[in-house]
Amino acid sequence: MAMSDQEIQAGLAEIINEETGLDAEAVQPDKSFTEDLDIDSLSMMTIVVNAEEKFDVRIPDDEVKNLSTVGDAVAFIKNAQG
């Protein structure tokens, strides 16, 4: 069963918190990973790998650059779960 946007966002917030120490409350759909959350490319790759495992989806490397906001990532994961 596909997860809701809120469930995916909460899961991402948990992963981001574990990787960066950022408060889960800061992880909102309109937040940019690099601009607002200050996540570097190395941390982003770790977050992607952890998200792939947690949500059982595949996020190709060439798609990662298109995921600039938390909302982008939530939408991608939701579609990938299809």
PDB file of N, CA and C in Angstrom:
ATOM      1  N   MET A   1       0.841  -1.193   0.000  1.00  0.00           N
ATOM      2  CA  MET A   1       0.000   0.000   0.000  1.00  0.00           C
ATOM      3  C   MET A   1       0.883   1.252   0.000  1.00  0.00           C
ATOM      4  N   ALA A   2       0.544   2.173  -0.852  1.00  0.00           N
ATOM      5  CA  ALA A   2       1.332   3.408  -0.944  1.00  0.00           C
ATOM      6  C   ALA A   2       1.166   4.244   0.321  1.00  0.00           C
ATOM      7  N   MET A   3       2.215   4.899   0.677  1.00  0.00           N
ATOM      8  CA  MET A   3       2.193   5.750   1.865  1.00  0.00           C
ATOM      9  C   MET A   3       1.673   7.135   1.486  1.00  0.00           C
ATOM     10  N   SER A   4       1.149   7.849   2.465  1.00  0.00           N
ATOM     11  CA  SER A   4       0.692   9.215   2.230  1.00  0.00           C
ATOM     12  C   SER A   4       1.903  10.158   2.178  1.00  0.00           C
ATOM     13  N   ASP A   5       1.669  11.352   1.645  1.00  0.00           N
ATOM     14  CA  ASP A   5       2.723  12.364   1.609  1.00  0.00           C
ATOM     15  C   ASP A   5       3.270  12.623   3.014  1.00  0.00           C
ATOM     16  N   GLN A   6       2.363  12.675   3.989  1.00  0.00           N
ATOM     17  CA  GLN A   6       2.788  12.950   5.369  1.00  0.00           C
ATOM     18  C   GLN A   6       3.676  11.837   5.917  1.00  0.00           C
ATOM     19  N   GLU A   7       3.326  10.595   5.597  1.00  0.00           N
ATOM     20  CA  GLU A   7       4.135   9.467   6.064  1.00  0.00           C
ATOM     21  C   GLU A   7       5.519   9.483   5.423  1.00  0.00           C
ATOM     22  N   ILE A   8       5.555   9.786   4.117  1.00  0.00           N
ATOM     23  CA  ILE A   8       6.835   9.854   3.425  1.00  0.00           C
ATOM     24  C   ILE A   8       7.668  11.007   3.983  1.00  0.00           C
ATOM     25  N   GLN A   9       7.042  12.153   4.170  1.00  0.00           N
ATOM     26  CA  GLN A   9       7.757  13.307   4.718  1.00  0.00           C
ATOM     27  C   GLN A   9       8.300  13.008   6.112  1.00  0.00           C
ATOM     28  N   ALA A  10       7.506  12.353   6.935  1.00  0.00           N
ATOM     29  CA  ALA A  10       7.951  12.005   8.294  1.00  0.00           C
ATOM     30  C   ALA A  10       9.137  11.041   8.230  1.00  0.00           C
ATOM     31  N   GLY A  11       9.067  10.077   7.305  1.00  0.00           N
ATOM     32  CA  GLY A  11      10.179   9.136   7.144  1.00  0.00           C
ATOM     33  C   GLY A  11      11.441   9.839   6.676  1.00  0.00           C
ATOM     34  N   LEU A  12      11.289  10.759   5.723  1.00  0.00           N
ATOM     35  CA  LEU A  12      12.444  11.536   5.255  1.00  0.00           C
ATOM     36  C   LEU A  12      13.017  12.387   6.376  1.00  0.00           C
ATOM     37  N   ALA A  13      12.135  13.004   7.160  1.00  0.00           N
ATOM     38  CA  ALA A  13      12.585  13.848   8.271  1.00  0.00           C
ATOM     39  C   ALA A  13      13.419  13.034   9.255  1.00  0.00           C
ATOM     40  N   GLU A  14      12.990  11.790   9.494  1.00  0.00           N
ATOM     41  CA  GLU A  14      13.719  10.894  10.394  1.00  0.00           C
ATOM     42  C   GLU A  14      15.119  10.587   9.833  1.00  0.00           C
ATOM     43  N   ILE A  15      15.171  10.277   8.542  1.00  0.00           N
ATOM     44  CA  ILE A  15      16.454   9.978   7.888  1.00  0.00           C
ATOM     45  C   ILE A  15      17.367  11.209   7.933  1.00  0.00           C
ATOM     46  N   ILE A  16      16.813  12.371   7.598  1.00  0.00           N
ATOM     47  CA  ILE A  16      17.600  13.611   7.590  1.00  0.00           C
ATOM     48  C   ILE A  16      18.091  13.941   8.996  1.00  0.00           C
ATOM     49  N   ASN A  17      17.236  13.721   9.982  1.00  0.00           N
ATOM     50  CA  ASN A  17      17.631  13.965  11.370  1.00  0.00           C
ATOM     51  C   ASN A  17      18.787  13.066  11.773  1.00  0.00           C
ATOM     52  N   GLU A  18      18.730  11.784  11.397  1.00  0.00           N
ATOM     53  CA  GLU A  18      19.806  10.851  11.736  1.00  0.00           C
ATOM     54  C   GLU A  18      21.118  11.245  11.065  1.00  0.00           C
ATOM     55  N   GLU A  19      21.030  11.722   9.813  1.00  0.00           N
ATOM     56  CA  GLU A  19      22.225  12.058   9.038  1.00  0.00           C
ATOM     57  C   GLU A  19      22.826  13.402   9.439  1.00  0.00           C
ATOM     58  N   THR A  20      21.967  14.396   9.716  1.00  0.00           N
ATOM     59  CA  THR A  20      22.460  15.769   9.901  1.00  0.00           C
ATOM     60  C   THR A  20      22.212  16.339  11.288  1.00  0.00           C
ATOM     61  N   GLY A  21      21.329  15.711  12.057  1.00  0.00           N
ATOM     62  CA  GLY A  21      20.982  16.253  13.363  1.00  0.00           C
ATOM     63  C   GLY A  21      19.933  17.346  13.280  1.00  0.00           C
ATOM     64  N   LEU A  22      19.438  17.630  12.074  1.00  0.00           N
ATOM     65  CA  LEU A  22      18.400  18.644  11.907  1.00  0.00           C
ATOM     66  C   LEU A  22      17.113  18.203  12.585  1.00  0.00           C
ATOM     67  N   ASP A  23      16.427  19.139  13.211  1.00  0.00           N
ATOM     68  CA  ASP A  23      15.138  18.862  13.827  1.00  0.00           C
ATOM     69  C   ASP A  23      14.150  18.423  12.749  1.00  0.00           C
ATOM     70  N   ALA A  24      13.427  17.358  13.002  1.00  0.00           N
ATOM     71  CA  ALA A  24      12.455  16.852  12.036  1.00  0.00           C
ATOM     72  C   ALA A  24      11.422  17.908  11.664  1.00  0.00           C
ATOM     73  N   GLU A  25      11.123  18.812  12.583  1.00  0.00           N
ATOM     74  CA  GLU A  25      10.149  19.878  12.311  1.00  0.00           C
ATOM     75  C   GLU A  25      10.622  20.818  11.201  1.00  0.00           C
ATOM     76  N   ALA A  26      11.938  20.890  10.987  1.00  0.00           N
ATOM     77  CA  ALA A  26      12.492  21.774   9.957  1.00  0.00           C
ATOM     78  C   ALA A  26      12.309  21.207   8.558  1.00  0.00           C
ATOM     79  N   VAL A  27      12.019  19.910   8.480  1.00  0.00           N
ATOM     80  CA  VAL A  27      11.910  19.240   7.184  1.00  0.00           C
ATOM     81  C   VAL A  27      10.482  19.405   6.667  1.00  0.00           C
ATOM     82  N   GLN A  28      10.284  20.459   5.889  1.00  0.00           N
ATOM     83  CA  GLN A  28       8.973  20.804   5.333  1.00  0.00           C
ATOM     84  C   GLN A  28       9.025  20.725   3.807  1.00  0.00           C
ATOM     85  N   PRO A  29       7.883  20.494   3.145  1.00  0.00           N
ATOM     86  CA  PRO A  29       7.868  20.305   1.687  1.00  0.00           C
ATOM     87  C   PRO A  29       8.516  21.428   0.880  1.00  0.00           C
ATOM     88  N   ASP A  30       8.405  22.657   1.353  1.00  0.00           N
ATOM     89  CA  ASP A  30       8.943  23.785   0.578  1.00  0.00           C
ATOM     90  C   ASP A  30      10.416  24.063   0.855  1.00  0.00           C
ATOM     91  N   LYS A  31      11.035  23.281   1.713  1.00  0.00           N
ATOM     92  CA  LYS A  31      12.434  23.519   2.071  1.00  0.00           C
ATOM     93  C   LYS A  31      13.387  22.905   1.052  1.00  0.00           C
ATOM     94  N   SER A  32      14.366  23.684   0.642  1.00  0.00           N
ATOM     95  CA  SER A  32      15.414  23.209  -0.262  1.00  0.00           C
ATOM     96  C   SER A  32      16.452  22.448   0.557  1.00  0.00           C
ATOM     97  N   PHE A  33      16.875  21.293   0.027  1.00  0.00           N
ATOM     98  CA  PHE A  33      17.881  20.507   0.755  1.00  0.00           C
ATOM     99  C   PHE A  33      19.173  21.299   0.939  1.00  0.00           C
ATOM    100  N   THR A  34      19.628  21.988  -0.108  1.00  0.00           N
ATOM    101  CA  THR A  34      20.909  22.694  -0.024  1.00  0.00           C
ATOM    102  C   THR A  34      20.766  24.082   0.572  1.00  0.00           C
ATOM    103  N   GLU A  35      19.776  24.854   0.109  1.00  0.00           N
ATOM    104  CA  GLU A  35      19.640  26.246   0.544  1.00  0.00           C
ATOM    105  C   GLU A  35      19.142  26.358   1.982  1.00  0.00           C
ATOM    106  N   ASP A  36      18.018  25.683   2.273  1.00  0.00           N
ATOM    107  CA  ASP A  36      17.374  25.844   3.582  1.00  0.00           C
ATOM    108  C   ASP A  36      17.902  24.886   4.646  1.00  0.00           C
ATOM    109  N   LEU A  37      18.147  23.644   4.235  1.00  0.00           N
ATOM    110  CA  LEU A  37      18.545  22.625   5.209  1.00  0.00           C
ATOM    111  C   LEU A  37      20.053  22.422   5.265  1.00  0.00           C
ATOM    112  N   ASP A  38      20.779  23.072   4.352  1.00  0.00           N
ATOM    113  CA  ASP A  38      22.244  23.046   4.345  1.00  0.00           C
ATOM    114  C   ASP A  38      22.808  21.629   4.288  1.00  0.00           C
ATOM    115  N   ILE A  39      22.220  20.804   3.410  1.00  0.00           N
ATOM    116  CA  ILE A  39      22.661  19.422   3.242  1.00  0.00           C
ATOM    117  C   ILE A  39      23.632  19.369   2.065  1.00  0.00           C
ATOM    118  N   ASP A  40      24.840  18.860   2.302  1.00  0.00           N
ATOM    119  CA  ASP A  40      25.829  18.786   1.218  1.00  0.00           C
ATOM    120  C   ASP A  40      25.613  17.522   0.389  1.00  0.00           C
ATOM    121  N   SER A  41      26.343  17.423  -0.715  1.00  0.00           N
ATOM    122  CA  SER A  41      26.119  16.321  -1.652  1.00  0.00           C
ATOM    123  C   SER A  41      26.411  14.959  -1.039  1.00  0.00           C
ATOM    124  N   LEU A  42      27.408  14.875  -0.172  1.00  0.00           N
ATOM    125  CA  LEU A  42      27.731  13.601   0.467  1.00  0.00           C
ATOM    126  C   LEU A  42      26.595  13.157   1.388  1.00  0.00           C
ATOM    127  N   SER A  43      26.105  14.083   2.209  1.00  0.00           N
ATOM    128  CA  SER A  43      24.974  13.755   3.087  1.00  0.00           C
ATOM    129  C   SER A  43      23.741  13.411   2.262  1.00  0.00           C
ATOM    130  N   MET A  44      23.553  14.120   1.154  1.00  0.00           N
ATOM    131  CA  MET A  44      22.390  13.871   0.302  1.00  0.00           C
ATOM    132  C   MET A  44      22.426  12.448  -0.247  1.00  0.00           C
ATOM    133  N   MET A  45      23.606  11.983  -0.646  1.00  0.00           N
ATOM    134  CA  MET A  45      23.705  10.609  -1.164  1.00  0.00           C
ATOM    135  C   MET A  45      23.375   9.590  -0.069  1.00  0.00           C
ATOM    136  N   THR A  46      23.819   9.850   1.139  1.00  0.00           N
ATOM    137  CA  THR A  46      23.500   8.949   2.257  1.00  0.00           C
ATOM    138  C   THR A  46      21.994   8.954   2.512  1.00  0.00           C
ATOM    139  N   ILE A  47      21.391  10.142   2.463  1.00  0.00           N
ATOM    140  CA  ILE A  47      19.944  10.265   2.664  1.00  0.00           C
ATOM    141  C   ILE A  47      19.203   9.496   1.575  1.00  0.00           C
ATOM    142  N   VAL A  48      19.661   9.616   0.323  1.00  0.00           N
ATOM    143  CA  VAL A  48      19.029   8.907  -0.798  1.00  0.00           C
ATOM    144  C   VAL A  48      19.101   7.397  -0.586  1.00  0.00           C
ATOM    145  N   VAL A  49      20.278   6.891  -0.233  1.00  0.00           N
ATOM    146  CA  VAL A  49      20.444   5.443  -0.009  1.00  0.00           C
ATOM    147  C   VAL A  49      19.514   4.975   1.113  1.00  0.00           C
ATOM    148  N   ASN A  50      19.472   5.732   2.197  1.00  0.00           N
ATOM    149  CA  ASN A  50      18.605   5.361   3.320  1.00  0.00           C
ATOM    150  C   ASN A  50      17.129   5.435   2.935  1.00  0.00           C
ATOM    151  N   ALA A  51      16.772   6.432   2.115  1.00  0.00           N
ATOM    152  CA  ALA A  51      15.376   6.558   1.665  1.00  0.00           C
ATOM    153  C   ALA A  51      15.003   5.387   0.753  1.00  0.00           C
ATOM    154  N   GLU A  52      15.938   4.981  -0.111  1.00  0.00           N
ATOM    155  CA  GLU A  52      15.670   3.836  -0.994  1.00  0.00           C
ATOM    156  C   GLU A  52      15.356   2.591  -0.164  1.00  0.00           C
ATOM    157  N   GLU A  53      16.133   2.389   0.894  1.00  0.00           N
ATOM    158  CA  GLU A  53      15.909   1.225   1.757  1.00  0.00           C
ATOM    159  C   GLU A  53      14.599   1.350   2.520  1.00  0.00           C
ATOM    160  N   LYS A  54      14.380   2.511   3.118  1.00  0.00           N
ATOM    161  CA  LYS A  54      13.196   2.707   3.956  1.00  0.00           C
ATOM    162  C   LYS A  54      11.899   2.597   3.159  1.00  0.00           C
ATOM    163  N   PHE A  55      11.886   3.180   1.952  1.00  0.00           N
ATOM    164  CA  PHE A  55      10.655   3.232   1.167  1.00  0.00           C
ATOM    165  C   PHE A  55      10.596   2.175   0.064  1.00  0.00           C
ATOM    166  N   ASP A  56      11.641   1.359  -0.029  1.00  0.00           N
ATOM    167  CA  ASP A  56      11.713   0.293  -1.028  1.00  0.00           C
ATOM    168  C   ASP A  56      11.490   0.837  -2.443  1.00  0.00           C
ATOM    169  N   VAL A  57      12.242   1.886  -2.764  1.00  0.00           N
ATOM    170  CA  VAL A  57      12.196   2.491  -4.102  1.00  0.00           C
ATOM    171  C   VAL A  57      13.613   2.626  -4.633  1.00  0.00           C
ATOM    172  N   ARG A  58      13.716   2.894  -5.928  1.00  0.00           N
ATOM    173  CA  ARG A  58      15.012   3.147  -6.556  1.00  0.00           C
ATOM    174  C   ARG A  58      15.028   4.609  -6.974  1.00  0.00           C
ATOM    175  N   ILE A  59      16.045   5.343  -6.537  1.00  0.00           N
ATOM    176  CA  ILE A  59      16.206   6.746  -6.919  1.00  0.00           C
ATOM    177  C   ILE A  59      17.500   6.834  -7.729  1.00  0.00           C
ATOM    178  N   PRO A  60      17.393   6.838  -9.076  1.00  0.00           N
ATOM    179  CA  PRO A  60      18.605   6.884  -9.908  1.00  0.00           C
ATOM    180  C   PRO A  60      19.426   8.139  -9.634  1.00  0.00           C
ATOM    181  N   ASP A  61      20.758   7.993  -9.733  1.00  0.00           N
ATOM    182  CA  ASP A  61      21.651   9.119  -9.470  1.00  0.00           C
ATOM    183  C   ASP A  61      21.286  10.349 -10.296  1.00  0.00           C
ATOM    184  N   ASP A  62      20.889  10.131 -11.551  1.00  0.00           N
ATOM    185  CA  ASP A  62      20.580  11.285 -12.393  1.00  0.00           C
ATOM    186  C   ASP A  62      19.261  11.957 -12.010  1.00  0.00           C
ATOM    187  N   GLU A  63      18.464  11.316 -11.170  1.00  0.00           N
ATOM    188  CA  GLU A  63      17.236  11.934 -10.665  1.00  0.00           C
ATOM    189  C   GLU A  63      17.499  12.762  -9.411  1.00  0.00           C
ATOM    190  N   VAL A  64      18.525  12.411  -8.668  1.00  0.00           N
ATOM    191  CA  VAL A  64      18.798  13.080  -7.390  1.00  0.00           C
ATOM    192  C   VAL A  64      18.945  14.588  -7.581  1.00  0.00           C
ATOM    193  N   LYS A  65      19.615  14.991  -8.657  1.00  0.00           N
ATOM    194  CA  LYS A  65      19.823  16.427  -8.885  1.00  0.00           C
ATOM    195  C   LYS A  65      18.505  17.174  -9.109  1.00  0.00           C
ATOM    196  N   ASN A  66      17.449  16.463  -9.506  1.00  0.00           N
ATOM    197  CA  ASN A  66      16.139  17.081  -9.711  1.00  0.00           C
ATOM    198  C   ASN A  66      15.342  17.219  -8.420  1.00  0.00           C
ATOM    199  N   LEU A  67      15.816  16.576  -7.369  1.00  0.00           N
ATOM    200  CA  LEU A  67      15.110  16.612  -6.087  1.00  0.00           C
ATOM    201  C   LEU A  67      15.684  17.750  -5.244  1.00  0.00           C
ATOM    202  N   SER A  68      15.268  18.971  -5.552  1.00  0.00           N
ATOM    203  CA  SER A  68      15.865  20.109  -4.850  1.00  0.00           C
ATOM    204  C   SER A  68      15.158  20.435  -3.542  1.00  0.00           C
ATOM    205  N   THR A  69      13.866  20.084  -3.439  1.00  0.00           N
ATOM    206  CA  THR A  69      13.148  20.350  -2.190  1.00  0.00           C
ATOM    207  C   THR A  69      12.640  19.052  -1.577  1.00  0.00           C
ATOM    208  N   VAL A  70      12.257  19.151  -0.326  1.00  0.00           N
ATOM    209  CA  VAL A  70      11.676  17.998   0.375  1.00  0.00           C
ATOM    210  C   VAL A  70      10.420  17.536  -0.364  1.00  0.00           C
ATOM    211  N   GLY A  71       9.627  18.487  -0.840  1.00  0.00           N
ATOM    212  CA  GLY A  71       8.410  18.151  -1.584  1.00  0.00           C
ATOM    213  C   GLY A  71       8.710  17.367  -2.852  1.00  0.00           C
ATOM    214  N   ASP A  72       9.794  17.748  -3.557  1.00  0.00           N
ATOM    215  CA  ASP A  72      10.206  17.015  -4.761  1.00  0.00           C
ATOM    216  C   ASP A  72      10.494  15.559  -4.414  1.00  0.00           C
ATOM    217  N   ALA A  73      11.221  15.358  -3.328  1.00  0.00           N
ATOM    218  CA  ALA A  73      11.598  14.002  -2.911  1.00  0.00           C
ATOM    219  C   ALA A  73      10.361  13.207  -2.509  1.00  0.00           C
ATOM    220  N   VAL A  74       9.445  13.831  -1.776  1.00  0.00           N
ATOM    221  CA  VAL A  74       8.208  13.151  -1.371  1.00  0.00           C
ATOM    222  C   VAL A  74       7.433  12.712  -2.610  1.00  0.00           C
ATOM    223  N   ALA A  75       7.282  13.613  -3.592  1.00  0.00           N
ATOM    224  CA  ALA A  75       6.538  13.293  -4.815  1.00  0.00           C
ATOM    225  C   ALA A  75       7.218  12.167  -5.590  1.00  0.00           C
ATOM    226  N   PHE A  76       8.540  12.218  -5.676  1.00  0.00           N
ATOM    227  CA  PHE A  76       9.269  11.179  -6.415  1.00  0.00           C
ATOM    228  C   PHE A  76       9.063   9.816  -5.745  1.00  0.00           C
ATOM    229  N   ILE A  77       9.218   9.765  -4.436  1.00  0.00           N
ATOM    230  CA  ILE A  77       9.084   8.509  -3.703  1.00  0.00           C
ATOM    231  C   ILE A  77       7.650   7.972  -3.840  1.00  0.00           C
ATOM    232  N   LYS A  78       6.677   8.868  -3.727  1.00  0.00           N
ATOM    233  CA  LYS A  78       5.276   8.446  -3.847  1.00  0.00           C
ATOM    234  C   LYS A  78       5.025   7.832  -5.227  1.00  0.00           C
ATOM    235  N   ASN A  79       5.520   8.481  -6.282  1.00  0.00           N
ATOM    236  CA  ASN A  79       5.346   7.953  -7.640  1.00  0.00           C
ATOM    237  C   ASN A  79       6.107   6.649  -7.835  1.00  0.00           C
ATOM    238  N   ALA A  80       7.284   6.548  -7.243  1.00  0.00           N
ATOM    239  CA  ALA A  80       8.111   5.341  -7.399  1.00  0.00           C
ATOM    240  C   ALA A  80       7.476   4.137  -6.709  1.00  0.00           C
ATOM    241  N   GLN A  81       6.702   4.393  -5.657  1.00  0.00           N
ATOM    242  CA  GLN A  81       6.033   3.300  -4.950  1.00  0.00           C
ATOM    243  C   GLN A  81       4.868   2.759  -5.761  1.00  0.00           C
ATOM    244  N   GLY A  82       4.299   3.645  -6.596  1.00  0.00           N
ATOM    245  CA  GLY A  82       3.199   3.356  -7.507  1.00  0.00           C
ATOM    246  C   GLY A  82       2.371   2.217  -7.130  1.00  0.00           C
TER     247      GLY A  82
END
